[in-house]
Protein backbone atom coordinates (compact mmCIF):
# COMPACT_ATOMS: atom_id res chain seq x y z
CA MET A 1 163.76 24.72 245.39
CA GLY A 2 161.13 23.49 247.71
CA HIS A 3 158.05 21.42 248.15
CA GLY A 4 154.84 21.62 250.07
CA HIS A 5 152.05 19.38 251.26
CA ALA A 6 148.36 20.04 251.52
CA HIS A 7 145.48 18.01 252.84
CA GLY A 8 141.99 18.96 251.79
CA GLY A 9 139.72 18.15 254.70
CA GLY A 10 140.63 15.50 257.23
CA ILE A 11 139.49 12.22 258.62
CA PRO A 12 135.69 12.49 258.97
CA SER A 13 134.07 12.23 262.36
CA GLY A 14 131.66 9.56 261.04
CA SER A 15 131.56 7.28 258.02
CA ALA A 16 128.63 6.90 255.63
CA ALA A 17 127.60 3.82 257.57
CA ALA A 18 127.54 5.78 260.87
CA ARG A 19 124.83 8.06 259.48
CA ASN A 20 122.65 4.96 259.16
CA LYS A 21 123.32 3.46 262.59
CA SER A 22 119.72 3.80 263.79
CA ARG A 23 118.39 2.17 260.62
CA LEU A 24 120.68 -0.80 261.16
CA ALA A 25 119.69 -1.05 264.82
CA TRP A 26 115.98 -1.15 264.02
CA ALA A 27 116.50 -3.70 261.24
CA LEU A 28 118.53 -5.90 263.66
CA ALA A 29 115.79 -5.70 266.32
CA LEU A 30 113.14 -6.79 263.77
CA THR A 31 115.35 -9.56 262.43
CA LEU A 32 116.14 -10.97 265.89
CA THR A 33 112.46 -10.85 266.83
CA TYR A 34 111.45 -12.99 263.88
CA MET A 35 114.59 -15.14 263.47
CA LEU A 36 113.78 -17.57 266.31
CA ALA A 37 110.22 -18.12 265.04
CA GLU A 38 111.43 -18.80 261.51
CA VAL A 39 114.08 -21.29 262.60
CA ILE A 40 111.58 -23.18 264.71
CA GLY A 41 108.99 -23.00 261.93
CA GLY A 42 111.44 -24.42 259.43
CA LEU A 43 112.25 -27.37 261.67
CA LEU A 44 108.61 -28.12 262.50
CA THR A 45 107.28 -27.93 258.94
CA GLY A 46 110.20 -29.80 257.33
CA SER A 47 110.42 -27.24 254.53
CA LEU A 48 113.85 -26.66 252.92
CA ALA A 49 112.61 -23.43 251.34
CA LEU A 50 111.70 -22.18 254.79
CA LEU A 51 114.95 -23.43 256.28
CA ALA A 52 116.85 -21.65 253.47
CA ASP A 53 115.04 -18.42 254.35
CA ALA A 54 115.68 -19.09 258.05
CA ALA A 55 119.41 -19.62 257.42
CA HIS A 56 119.58 -16.32 255.56
CA MET A 57 117.70 -14.66 258.41
CA VAL A 58 120.31 -15.97 260.88
CA THR A 59 122.98 -14.62 258.56
CA ASP A 60 121.14 -11.30 258.40
CA ALA A 61 121.17 -10.99 262.19
CA GLY A 62 124.90 -11.68 262.30
CA GLY A 63 125.54 -9.35 259.36
CA LEU A 64 123.57 -6.51 260.90
CA ALA A 65 125.26 -6.97 264.25
CA LEU A 66 128.66 -6.98 262.50
CA ALA A 67 127.70 -3.84 260.62
CA LEU A 68 126.87 -2.06 263.88
CA LEU A 69 130.11 -3.31 265.42
CA ALA A 70 131.96 -1.94 262.38
CA ILE A 71 130.36 1.47 262.89
CA HIS A 72 131.38 1.42 266.56
CA TYR A 73 135.00 0.74 265.71
CA SER A 74 135.03 3.08 262.71
CA ALA A 75 134.06 5.94 265.03
CA LYS A 76 137.09 5.44 267.27
CA ALA A 77 139.64 8.24 267.18
CA PRO A 78 142.87 7.73 265.26
CA THR A 79 145.99 6.82 267.25
CA PRO A 80 149.68 7.11 266.48
CA GLY A 81 149.67 3.39 265.73
CA LYS A 82 146.52 3.59 263.57
CA SER A 83 146.54 7.00 261.93
CA PHE A 84 143.26 6.41 260.08
CA GLY A 85 141.61 4.79 263.07
CA TYR A 86 139.41 1.77 262.39
CA MET A 87 137.69 3.09 259.30
CA ARG A 88 138.45 -0.10 257.30
CA PHE A 89 136.53 -2.19 259.79
CA GLU A 90 133.39 -1.34 257.80
CA ILE A 91 134.84 -2.92 254.63
CA LEU A 92 136.03 -5.99 256.54
CA ALA A 93 132.48 -6.40 257.84
CA ALA A 94 131.08 -6.22 254.30
CA LEU A 95 133.63 -8.78 253.17
CA ALA A 96 132.71 -11.10 256.02
CA ASN A 97 129.00 -10.76 255.21
CA ALA A 98 129.62 -11.75 251.60
CA VAL A 99 131.76 -14.77 252.47
CA VAL A 100 129.29 -16.08 255.04
CA LEU A 101 126.33 -15.58 252.72
CA LEU A 102 128.10 -17.50 249.95
CA GLY A 103 128.80 -20.29 252.42
CA VAL A 104 125.18 -20.51 253.51
CA THR A 105 124.09 -20.53 249.87
CA ALA A 106 126.39 -23.45 249.13
CA TYR A 107 124.88 -25.42 252.00
CA ILE A 108 121.34 -24.68 250.82
CA LEU A 109 122.18 -25.94 247.33
CA TYR A 110 123.62 -29.14 248.79
CA GLU A 111 120.54 -29.65 250.93
CA ALA A 112 118.29 -29.07 247.93
CA TYR A 113 120.10 -31.85 246.04
CA ARG A 114 119.74 -34.21 248.99
CA ARG A 115 116.03 -33.56 249.29
CA PHE A 116 115.45 -34.07 245.57
CA VAL A 117 116.86 -37.56 246.10
CA GLU A 118 114.93 -38.19 249.33
CA PRO A 119 111.82 -35.98 249.56
CA ASN A 120 110.48 -35.36 253.05
CA GLU A 121 107.01 -34.56 254.45
CA ILE A 122 106.09 -30.85 254.36
CA LEU A 123 103.39 -29.00 256.39
CA GLY A 124 102.02 -26.45 253.96
CA TRP A 125 99.84 -24.17 256.10
CA PRO A 126 102.33 -23.58 258.98
CA MET A 127 105.04 -23.11 256.36
CA MET A 128 103.07 -20.37 254.61
CA LEU A 129 102.08 -18.66 257.82
CA VAL A 130 105.68 -18.33 258.98
CA ALA A 131 106.72 -17.13 255.51
CA LEU A 132 104.00 -14.41 255.46
CA ILE A 133 105.21 -13.05 258.80
CA GLY A 134 108.79 -13.14 257.52
CA LEU A 135 107.80 -11.26 254.34
CA GLY A 136 106.37 -8.43 256.43
CA VAL A 137 109.47 -8.19 258.63
CA ASN A 138 111.78 -8.21 255.60
CA LEU A 139 109.82 -5.49 253.81
CA VAL A 140 110.03 -3.21 256.84
CA SER A 141 113.76 -3.87 257.22
CA MET A 142 114.35 -3.19 253.52
CA LYS A 143 112.56 0.14 253.86
CA LEU A 144 114.79 1.05 256.78
CA LEU A 145 118.04 0.15 254.97
CA ALA A 146 117.22 1.36 251.44
CA GLY A 147 118.17 4.97 252.13
CA GLY A 148 121.71 4.08 253.28
CA SER A 149 122.50 1.27 250.84
CA SER A 150 123.65 3.68 248.12
CA GLU A 151 126.29 5.42 250.23
CA SER A 152 127.74 2.69 252.46
CA LEU A 153 129.14 -0.70 251.37
CA ASN A 154 128.44 -2.00 254.85
CA VAL A 155 124.78 -0.97 254.73
CA LYS A 156 124.56 -2.30 251.16
CA GLY A 157 125.72 -5.70 252.37
CA ALA A 158 123.04 -5.72 255.08
CA TYR A 159 120.44 -4.57 252.54
CA PHE A 160 121.35 -7.39 250.15
CA GLU A 161 120.95 -9.97 252.90
CA VAL A 162 117.50 -8.62 253.87
CA PHE A 163 116.55 -8.38 250.17
CA SER A 164 117.52 -12.02 249.66
CA ASP A 165 115.37 -12.99 252.68
CA MET A 166 112.44 -11.07 251.21
CA LEU A 167 112.72 -13.10 248.00
CA GLY A 168 113.09 -16.18 250.09
CA SER A 169 109.81 -15.47 251.90
CA VAL A 170 108.04 -14.99 248.58
CA GLY A 171 109.54 -18.26 247.33
CA VAL A 172 108.41 -20.12 250.47
CA ILE A 173 104.86 -18.79 250.06
CA VAL A 174 104.77 -19.99 246.45
CA ALA A 175 106.21 -23.37 247.44
CA ALA A 176 103.65 -23.76 250.24
CA LEU A 177 100.76 -22.97 247.90
CA VAL A 178 101.97 -25.50 245.31
CA VAL A 179 102.57 -28.22 247.89
CA MET A 180 99.10 -27.73 249.41
CA ALA A 181 97.42 -27.68 245.98
CA THR A 182 99.31 -30.55 244.27
CA GLY A 183 101.28 -32.44 246.83
CA TRP A 184 104.48 -31.96 244.78
CA ARG A 185 107.08 -32.02 247.51
CA TRP A 186 109.94 -31.53 244.99
CA VAL A 187 108.79 -27.93 244.51
CA ASP A 188 110.11 -27.07 247.99
CA PRO A 189 113.83 -27.93 247.34
CA LEU A 190 113.49 -26.41 243.87
CA ILE A 191 112.41 -23.05 245.39
CA GLY A 192 115.12 -23.35 248.05
CA ALA A 193 117.82 -23.87 245.38
CA GLY A 194 116.39 -21.00 243.32
CA ILE A 195 116.67 -18.64 246.31
CA GLY A 196 120.36 -19.55 246.67
CA LEU A 197 121.15 -19.17 243.00
CA PHE A 198 119.42 -15.81 242.75
CA ILE A 199 121.49 -14.13 245.45
CA ILE A 200 124.91 -15.39 244.27
CA PRO A 201 125.52 -12.63 241.64
CA ARG A 202 124.68 -9.82 244.08
CA THR A 203 126.76 -11.32 246.85
CA TRP A 204 129.63 -11.86 244.41
CA LYS A 205 129.46 -8.18 243.43
CA LEU A 206 129.58 -7.11 247.07
CA LEU A 207 132.59 -9.37 247.62
CA ASN A 208 134.40 -7.86 244.63
CA GLU A 209 133.66 -4.29 245.80
CA ALA A 210 135.02 -5.00 249.25
CA LEU A 211 138.16 -6.68 247.84
CA HIS A 212 138.69 -3.75 245.43
CA ILE A 213 138.78 -1.33 248.36
CA LEU A 214 141.02 -3.54 250.46
CA LEU A 215 143.44 -3.81 247.50
CA GLU A 216 143.57 0.00 247.22
CA GLY A 217 141.77 0.04 243.90
CA THR A 218 140.89 3.32 242.22
CA PRO A 219 137.41 4.55 243.31
CA PRO A 220 134.59 4.09 240.79
CA GLY A 221 134.25 7.09 238.52
CA VAL A 222 137.79 8.31 239.04
CA ASP A 223 139.75 8.37 235.76
CA LEU A 224 143.41 8.74 236.76
CA ALA A 225 144.62 9.42 233.23
CA ALA A 226 142.07 12.20 232.74
CA LEU A 227 142.85 13.61 236.17
CA LYS A 228 146.57 13.63 235.46
CA ALA A 229 146.00 15.40 232.14
CA LYS A 230 143.82 18.00 233.82
CA ILE A 231 146.45 18.75 236.50
CA GLU A 232 149.19 19.04 233.87
CA ALA A 233 147.01 21.50 231.90
CA MET A 234 146.92 23.92 234.80
CA PRO A 235 149.01 27.12 234.47
CA GLY A 236 152.45 26.73 235.96
CA VAL A 237 152.36 22.94 236.10
CA ARG A 238 155.10 21.23 234.14
CA ARG A 239 154.02 17.65 234.83
CA ALA A 240 152.42 15.36 237.43
CA TYR A 241 153.47 11.88 238.45
CA ASP A 242 153.00 9.18 241.12
CA LEU A 243 149.27 9.89 241.14
CA HIS A 244 147.18 7.52 243.30
CA ALA A 245 143.54 7.51 244.38
CA TRP A 246 141.85 4.96 246.65
CA THR A 247 138.96 4.46 249.05
CA LEU A 248 139.52 4.21 252.78
CA THR A 249 135.92 3.41 253.61
CA SER A 250 132.53 4.06 252.03
CA GLY A 251 132.19 7.76 251.26
CA PHE A 252 135.80 8.66 252.06
CA ASN A 253 138.27 8.70 249.14
CA ALA A 254 141.90 9.84 249.25
CA MET A 255 144.49 10.95 246.69
CA THR A 256 148.24 11.62 246.53
CA CYS A 257 150.21 13.27 243.73
CA HIS A 258 153.63 14.78 242.96
CA VAL A 259 153.43 17.98 240.93
CA ILE A 260 156.43 19.61 239.21
CA LEU A 261 156.05 23.36 238.83
CA ASP A 262 157.94 25.96 236.83
CA ASP A 263 158.20 27.97 240.07
CA VAL A 264 157.71 26.18 243.41
CA SER A 265 156.71 29.46 245.01
CA ASP A 266 153.48 29.14 242.99
CA GLY A 267 152.66 26.01 244.99
CA PRO A 268 149.84 27.34 247.21
CA ARG A 269 147.84 28.56 244.20
CA VAL A 270 148.25 25.24 242.36
CA ILE A 271 147.35 23.22 245.43
CA ARG A 272 144.14 25.19 245.95
CA ALA A 273 143.21 24.73 242.28
CA ILE A 274 143.84 20.99 242.32
CA ARG A 275 141.94 20.62 245.58
CA ALA A 276 138.90 22.46 244.26
CA ASP A 277 138.81 20.51 240.97
CA VAL A 278 139.24 17.11 242.61
CA LYS A 279 136.59 17.85 245.22
CA ALA A 280 134.09 19.12 242.66
CA GLN A 281 134.58 16.34 240.07
CA TYR A 282 135.45 13.29 242.14
CA ASP A 283 134.32 14.14 245.69
CA ILE A 284 137.77 13.45 247.11
CA ASP A 285 138.34 15.31 250.37
CA HIS A 286 141.67 13.93 251.61
CA LEU A 287 144.54 15.08 249.37
CA THR A 288 148.31 15.01 249.72
CA ILE A 289 150.06 17.09 247.03
CA GLN A 290 153.83 17.30 246.93
CA VAL A 291 155.14 20.36 245.03
CA GLU A 292 158.54 19.91 243.38
CA ASP A 293 160.83 21.38 240.76
CA GLU A 294 162.76 19.24 238.21
CA ASN A 295 165.77 18.86 240.55
CA ILE A 296 163.71 17.40 243.37
CA ALA A 297 161.86 15.16 240.93
CA SER A 298 165.18 13.81 239.61
CA GLU A 299 166.38 13.07 243.13
CA THR A 300 163.12 11.28 243.86
CA ALA A 301 163.44 9.19 240.68
CA LYS A 302 167.03 8.20 241.51
CA SER A 303 166.13 7.17 245.06
CA SER A 304 163.31 4.93 243.83
CA VAL A 305 165.52 2.97 241.42
């Protein structure tokens, strides 16, 4: 009778977000450079569409700064009190970005309603000039962040914010052209509301992804039932139970499993086989596999009742 544990790989020296630190830093510098000009421009022109874009730009700056802060903390070494270090800080940052962006969107929609009721004077040319500069800044920032948005939830959150600002700049340009050509001031709050409504589904998706990780949800693409069946089909394996898989932070998944063998001395071979299959099929590096025989499994079941 006996059991063993194995860990494939270890805690990575840097998360997926850390590999994109310089991209985030450049995007933050660009955003901060333009943010002040856009806020002032929105106040001077009286445009809600421009103010909506400015509000998102302020949120972008905060989101990018929070993303960089998350990378800083995620890179800290584990301690006895925090055995995984601060890796989850990245997910908390993504969650905060989503919540703040939804709050800003709610305010923009309220302001759009208010300005439909009481239209205000809008300066078309300054409004369009500020929006054109903002469009250029947003396109450069999107280019910087696009490469890392597919591998890091934190970078994806920052990318979504910059993407929403890019759409906002386009909307402001359209609104400015219409106001200058027709004098229809109601177009401005309409565009502002449209910007807010467009980004809600993407922000909601980001929020759900962050919550899924924080609630220890199974990583996307990992079929626990199929994985359990595959382990139990291996030679020498009688059955597997208490199988769990979850995400610690973007790009770092973990798994635990109890495996009952015909002969526990065959444990090292089975552990190597499971580790290789899980790594190849699901890209899970951190594994804990407990090898047992039926007697140990029965004792475990009794103690959990």
